[in-house]
Protein backbone atom coordinates (compact mmCIF):
# COMPACT_ATOMS: atom_id res chain seq x y z
CA UNK A 1 -7.15 -110.56 63.25
CA UNK A 2 -7.48 -110.06 59.49
CA UNK A 3 -5.83 -106.86 58.29
CA UNK A 4 -6.99 -105.01 55.15
CA UNK A 5 -4.19 -104.13 52.81
CA UNK A 6 -3.97 -100.65 51.24
CA UNK A 7 -4.32 -102.24 47.82
CA UNK A 8 -7.65 -103.78 48.71
CA UNK A 9 -8.89 -100.46 50.10
CA UNK A 10 -8.00 -98.69 46.89
CA UNK A 11 -9.47 -101.25 44.57
CA UNK A 12 -12.58 -102.41 46.46
CA UNK A 13 -13.58 -99.91 49.13
CA UNK A 14 -13.12 -96.63 47.26
CA UNK A 15 -13.86 -97.83 43.78
CA UNK A 16 -17.51 -97.35 42.90
CA UNK A 17 -19.27 -99.51 40.34
CA UNK A 18 -19.12 -98.27 36.76
CA UNK A 19 -22.92 -98.19 36.49
CA UNK A 20 -23.17 -95.87 39.51
CA UNK A 21 -20.64 -93.47 38.04
CA UNK A 22 -22.44 -93.48 34.73
CA UNK A 23 -25.79 -92.75 36.40
CA UNK A 24 -24.28 -89.86 38.36
CA UNK A 25 -22.53 -88.50 35.28
CA UNK A 26 -25.78 -88.64 33.30
CA UNK A 27 -27.62 -86.84 36.11
CA UNK A 28 -25.02 -84.06 36.15
CA UNK A 29 -25.19 -83.69 32.37
CA UNK A 30 -28.97 -83.41 32.59
CA UNK A 31 -28.71 -80.76 35.32
CA UNK A 32 -26.15 -78.75 33.34
CA UNK A 33 -28.34 -78.93 30.24
CA UNK A 34 -31.40 -77.74 32.16
CA UNK A 35 -29.46 -74.82 33.67
CA UNK A 36 -28.10 -73.88 30.24
CA UNK A 37 -31.61 -73.87 28.75
CA UNK A 38 -32.86 -71.74 31.65
CA UNK A 39 -29.97 -69.27 31.21
CA UNK A 40 -30.65 -68.96 27.47
CA UNK A 41 -34.38 -68.47 28.09
CA UNK A 42 -33.58 -65.75 30.63
CA UNK A 43 -31.12 -63.83 28.47
CA UNK A 44 -33.02 -64.20 25.19
CA UNK A 45 -35.44 -61.24 25.76
CA UNK A 46 -32.44 -58.95 26.31
CA UNK A 47 -30.75 -60.19 23.14
CA UNK A 48 -34.03 -59.84 21.23
CA UNK A 49 -34.32 -56.25 22.45
CA UNK A 50 -30.86 -55.29 21.18
CA UNK A 51 -31.34 -57.09 17.85
CA UNK A 52 -34.74 -55.49 17.29
CA UNK A 53 -33.31 -52.03 17.95
CA UNK A 54 -31.41 -52.25 14.64
CA UNK A 55 -34.49 -53.04 12.53
CA UNK A 56 -36.79 -50.80 10.57
CA UNK A 57 -40.49 -50.73 11.45
CA UNK A 58 -41.37 -52.79 8.36
CA UNK A 59 -38.62 -55.31 9.07
CA UNK A 60 -39.75 -55.61 12.70
CA UNK A 61 -43.36 -56.28 11.69
CA UNK A 62 -42.45 -58.78 8.96
CA UNK A 63 -39.73 -60.72 10.84
CA UNK A 64 -39.90 -59.95 14.57
CA UNK A 65 -37.63 -62.84 15.60
CA UNK A 66 -35.11 -62.81 12.73
CA UNK A 67 -31.91 -60.85 12.31
CA UNK A 68 -32.26 -57.44 10.64
CA UNK A 69 -32.19 -57.54 6.85
CA UNK A 70 -30.51 -54.11 6.96
CA UNK A 71 -28.86 -52.94 10.18
CA UNK A 72 -30.30 -49.51 11.05
CA UNK A 73 -27.61 -47.98 13.29
CA UNK A 74 -29.19 -44.54 12.96
CA UNK A 75 -32.10 -45.70 15.14
CA UNK A 76 -30.06 -44.82 18.21
CA UNK A 77 -29.22 -41.29 17.13
CA UNK A 78 -32.80 -40.62 16.05
CA UNK A 79 -34.22 -41.99 19.30
CA UNK A 80 -31.74 -39.92 21.32
CA UNK A 81 -32.69 -36.70 19.54
CA UNK A 82 -36.47 -37.18 19.23
CA UNK A 83 -37.08 -38.30 22.81
CA UNK A 84 -34.54 -35.97 24.40
CA UNK A 85 -32.92 -38.95 26.06
CA UNK A 86 -29.88 -36.93 27.14
CA UNK A 87 -31.91 -34.69 29.47
CA UNK A 88 -34.16 -37.55 30.58
CA UNK A 89 -31.11 -39.68 31.33
CA UNK A 90 -29.68 -36.92 33.53
CA UNK A 91 -33.01 -36.54 35.36
CA UNK A 92 -33.16 -40.29 36.03
CA UNK A 93 -29.60 -40.25 37.36
CA UNK A 94 -30.37 -37.36 39.73
CA UNK A 95 -33.59 -38.93 41.01
CA UNK A 96 -32.10 -42.41 41.37
CA UNK A 97 -28.91 -41.31 43.15
CA UNK A 98 -30.83 -38.95 45.44
CA UNK A 99 -33.31 -41.66 46.38
CA UNK A 100 -30.53 -44.21 46.93
CA UNK A 101 -28.54 -41.85 49.14
CA UNK A 102 -31.57 -41.09 51.32
CA UNK A 103 -32.56 -44.76 51.49
CA UNK A 104 -29.08 -45.98 52.39
CA UNK A 105 -28.48 -43.37 55.09
CA UNK A 106 -31.87 -43.71 56.80
CA UNK A 107 -32.15 -47.46 56.24
CA UNK A 108 -28.69 -48.25 57.62
CA UNK A 109 -29.15 -45.99 60.65
CA UNK A 110 -32.58 -47.40 61.48
CA UNK A 111 -31.49 -50.99 60.89
CA UNK A 112 -28.50 -50.48 63.18
CA UNK A 113 -30.66 -49.08 65.97
CA UNK A 114 -33.31 -51.78 65.69
CA UNK A 115 -30.78 -54.62 65.58
CA UNK A 116 -28.41 -53.47 68.37
CA UNK A 117 -30.41 -51.43 70.88
CA UNK A 118 -33.26 -52.41 73.21
CA UNK A 119 -35.94 -49.83 74.01
CA UNK A 120 -39.66 -49.51 74.58
CA UNK A 121 -42.03 -49.98 71.64
CA UNK A 122 -39.29 -51.59 69.56
CA UNK A 123 -41.70 -54.34 68.51
CA UNK A 124 -44.35 -51.77 67.58
CA UNK A 125 -41.90 -49.91 65.37
CA UNK A 126 -40.84 -53.13 63.65
CA UNK A 127 -44.50 -53.94 63.08
CA UNK A 128 -45.05 -50.55 61.43
CA UNK A 129 -42.24 -51.23 59.00
CA UNK A 130 -43.78 -54.62 58.21
CA UNK A 131 -47.05 -52.86 57.42
CA UNK A 132 -45.11 -50.48 55.19
CA UNK A 133 -43.94 -53.44 53.12
CA UNK A 134 -47.54 -54.65 52.70
CA UNK A 135 -49.01 -51.40 51.37
CA UNK A 136 -49.60 -51.46 47.58
CA UNK A 137 -47.46 -48.62 46.29
CA UNK A 138 -49.73 -47.46 43.48
CA UNK A 139 -52.77 -47.26 45.76
CA UNK A 140 -51.12 -44.21 47.37
CA UNK A 141 -50.86 -42.14 44.18
CA UNK A 142 -53.95 -40.00 44.83
CA UNK A 143 -53.24 -39.11 48.49
CA UNK A 144 -49.58 -38.50 47.65
CA UNK A 145 -50.57 -36.20 44.80
CA UNK A 146 -52.82 -34.18 47.11
CA UNK A 147 -50.12 -34.03 49.80
CA UNK A 148 -47.43 -32.86 47.37
CA UNK A 149 -49.76 -30.30 45.86
CA UNK A 150 -50.36 -28.83 49.32
CA UNK A 151 -46.60 -28.84 49.97
CA UNK A 152 -45.95 -27.20 46.56
CA UNK A 153 -43.36 -29.77 45.50
CA UNK A 154 -45.05 -31.14 42.38
CA UNK A 155 -42.86 -30.94 39.28
CA UNK A 156 -39.68 -31.10 41.35
CA UNK A 157 -37.10 -33.79 41.96
CA UNK A 158 -38.34 -34.03 45.56
CA UNK A 159 -41.76 -35.27 44.38
CA UNK A 160 -40.03 -38.45 43.19
CA UNK A 161 -37.10 -38.78 45.60
CA UNK A 162 -39.18 -38.63 48.79
CA UNK A 163 -41.80 -41.29 47.83
CA UNK A 164 -39.14 -43.57 46.34
CA UNK A 165 -37.06 -43.49 49.52
CA UNK A 166 -40.11 -43.88 51.77
CA UNK A 167 -41.36 -47.03 50.03
CA UNK A 168 -37.88 -48.57 49.83
CA UNK A 169 -37.04 -47.93 53.50
CA UNK A 170 -38.85 -50.97 55.00
CA UNK A 171 -36.94 -53.35 52.73
CA UNK A 172 -33.65 -51.58 53.44
CA UNK A 173 -34.19 -51.65 57.19
CA UNK A 174 -34.95 -55.36 57.30
CA UNK A 175 -31.97 -56.27 55.11
CA UNK A 176 -29.56 -54.21 57.24
CA UNK A 177 -31.06 -55.40 60.56
CA UNK A 178 -30.85 -59.04 59.47
CA UNK A 179 -27.28 -58.65 58.26
CA UNK A 180 -26.06 -56.89 61.41
CA UNK A 181 -27.18 -59.79 63.58
CA UNK A 182 -24.05 -61.59 62.31
CA UNK A 183 -21.75 -58.82 63.61
CA UNK A 184 -20.41 -59.55 67.14
CA UNK A 185 -21.31 -56.94 69.74
CA UNK A 186 -17.81 -57.25 71.19
CA UNK A 187 -16.58 -55.03 68.34
CA UNK A 188 -18.81 -52.20 69.52
CA UNK A 189 -17.78 -52.70 73.15
CA UNK A 190 -14.11 -52.52 72.17
CA UNK A 191 -14.78 -49.34 70.19
CA UNK A 192 -16.52 -47.78 73.20
CA UNK A 193 -13.51 -48.60 75.38
CA UNK A 194 -11.34 -46.77 72.83
CA UNK A 195 -13.52 -43.68 73.27
CA UNK A 196 -15.91 -43.94 70.32
CA UNK A 197 -19.53 -42.89 70.69
CA UNK A 198 -22.48 -44.23 68.74
CA UNK A 199 -21.66 -42.11 65.71
CA UNK A 200 -18.03 -43.26 65.75
CA UNK A 201 -19.11 -46.90 66.00
CA UNK A 202 -21.59 -46.47 63.17
CA UNK A 203 -19.20 -44.69 60.80
CA UNK A 204 -16.03 -46.67 61.55
CA UNK A 205 -17.36 -50.18 62.21
CA UNK A 206 -20.97 -50.71 61.18
CA UNK A 207 -20.94 -49.05 57.76
CA UNK A 208 -17.78 -50.82 56.48
CA UNK A 209 -19.11 -54.18 57.70
CA UNK A 210 -22.56 -53.57 56.20
CA UNK A 211 -21.27 -53.01 52.64
CA UNK A 212 -22.76 -56.29 51.28
CA UNK A 213 -26.19 -55.43 52.69
CA UNK A 214 -25.94 -51.88 51.35
CA UNK A 215 -24.98 -53.24 47.92
CA UNK A 216 -28.11 -55.40 47.93
CA UNK A 217 -30.26 -52.41 48.85
CA UNK A 218 -28.57 -50.34 46.15
CA UNK A 219 -29.29 -52.72 43.29
CA UNK A 220 -32.88 -53.38 44.39
CA UNK A 221 -33.54 -49.67 44.82
CA UNK A 222 -31.76 -48.78 41.59
CA UNK A 223 -33.92 -51.12 39.56
CA UNK A 224 -37.11 -49.78 41.14
CA UNK A 225 -36.21 -46.09 40.90
CA UNK A 226 -34.70 -46.25 37.42
CA UNK A 227 -37.63 -48.11 35.83
CA UNK A 228 -40.56 -46.45 37.62
CA UNK A 229 -43.17 -44.97 35.30
CA UNK A 230 -46.36 -44.43 37.34
CA UNK A 231 -45.00 -41.99 39.94
CA UNK A 232 -43.14 -39.95 37.32
CA UNK A 233 -46.24 -39.83 35.12
CA UNK A 234 -48.45 -38.49 37.93
CA UNK A 235 -46.04 -36.15 39.73
CA UNK A 236 -44.05 -34.72 36.79
CA UNK A 237 -45.59 -32.57 34.04
CA UNK A 238 -42.62 -30.34 33.25
CA UNK A 239 -40.93 -31.62 30.07
CA UNK A 240 -37.50 -30.62 31.37
CA UNK A 241 -37.93 -32.90 34.42
CA UNK A 242 -39.23 -36.02 32.69
CA UNK A 243 -37.32 -39.18 33.50
CA UNK A 244 -36.19 -41.90 31.12
CA UNK A 245 -39.33 -44.12 31.31
CA UNK A 246 -41.49 -41.11 30.44
CA UNK A 247 -39.32 -40.23 27.45
CA UNK A 248 -39.83 -43.72 26.03
CA UNK A 249 -43.58 -43.18 25.76
CA UNK A 250 -43.13 -40.49 23.12
CA UNK A 251 -42.81 -43.15 20.41
CA UNK A 252 -46.29 -44.53 21.12
CA UNK A 253 -49.60 -42.73 20.60
CA UNK A 254 -53.20 -43.65 20.02
CA UNK A 255 -52.58 -44.57 16.39
CA UNK A 256 -49.43 -46.64 16.42
CA UNK A 257 -45.97 -47.31 17.83
CA UNK A 258 -42.58 -46.78 16.22
CA UNK A 259 -41.06 -50.06 17.40
CA UNK A 260 -37.63 -49.47 15.91
CA UNK A 261 -37.07 -46.23 17.87
CA UNK A 262 -38.77 -47.66 20.95
CA UNK A 263 -36.42 -50.65 21.00
CA UNK A 264 -33.39 -48.39 20.49
CA UNK A 265 -34.44 -46.12 23.36
CA UNK A 266 -35.15 -49.09 25.62
CA UNK A 267 -31.71 -50.51 24.82
CA UNK A 268 -30.12 -47.25 25.94
CA UNK A 269 -32.21 -47.27 29.13
CA UNK A 270 -31.37 -50.87 30.09
CA UNK A 271 -27.58 -50.58 29.73
CA UNK A 272 -27.00 -48.83 33.12
CA UNK A 273 -28.92 -51.53 35.01
CA UNK A 274 -26.82 -54.28 33.45
CA UNK A 275 -23.58 -52.42 34.24
CA UNK A 276 -24.57 -51.78 37.86
CA UNK A 277 -25.48 -55.41 38.43
CA UNK A 278 -22.25 -56.70 36.87
CA UNK A 279 -20.19 -54.40 39.09
CA UNK A 280 -21.93 -55.23 42.37
CA UNK A 281 -23.07 -58.82 41.79
CA UNK A 282 -20.61 -60.38 44.27
CA UNK A 283 -21.55 -58.02 47.10
CA UNK A 284 -25.23 -58.42 46.24
CA UNK A 285 -25.07 -62.21 46.59
CA UNK A 286 -23.26 -61.91 49.93
CA UNK A 287 -25.82 -59.45 51.28
CA UNK A 288 -28.85 -61.46 50.16
CA UNK A 289 -27.52 -64.74 51.55
CA UNK A 290 -26.56 -63.19 54.89
CA UNK A 291 -29.89 -61.42 55.20
CA UNK A 292 -31.84 -64.58 54.41
CA UNK A 293 -29.91 -67.07 56.53
CA UNK A 294 -28.71 -65.09 59.52
CA UNK A 295 -31.75 -62.88 59.98
């Protein structure tokens, strides 16, 4: 029997040809270059927004893609005062946090029930939530306006919080239900043996385990609630209740647009979304992957 020496294994078996290594290295360099170009193309609009916020209107019109000839730092203070961004910012925070709280509580509870319990008409209920995801949101503006007028809740925070939560619930329910399929039922059985009821199981076991899914729901809902313009435009007429997207429209009328102040106000509005994503990005990725693969 011919035995293979360790030296021959090292030199012949595990040593790949130089041409193969070069081809693989070139392929990796090409992939890295393509990803870098894609990243720059994705982040460029955000950088352009911040750079343009320091320009004057004339400078923006003459050189829209160049650096400012004179950096106009007062654009931010003027935009803040003229548009009343302080009050609008507070209104957006109240509406967004209220909608998120309602969506997370109802979505997590419903997703837990649909994923862990068996009962009659469960399939029908799941089908209704699927239909809820298929309804075009803006096609409901007129009937919602009539309904809220009859309920006397126009020009209130509730006129935004309730529709936001209602349209985000189907997505939240499916993300939570898909994520909870990866949680072993033995944990719930052990908790029942220890004397916990359904509420104890939900608060002590399900909610801590569902944090990645809830983080995913939070960022998706935050982006939708924070940036919504159509619902706020239709349901809110009181100036003291206008949200941030509505306050940005003050710089544009039928005759022209003050782009310098508009860019400054938009820069202020976009900062919270960037901060929220950077804080929760790890949990968001975990929740989206688990919901997509294990659901």
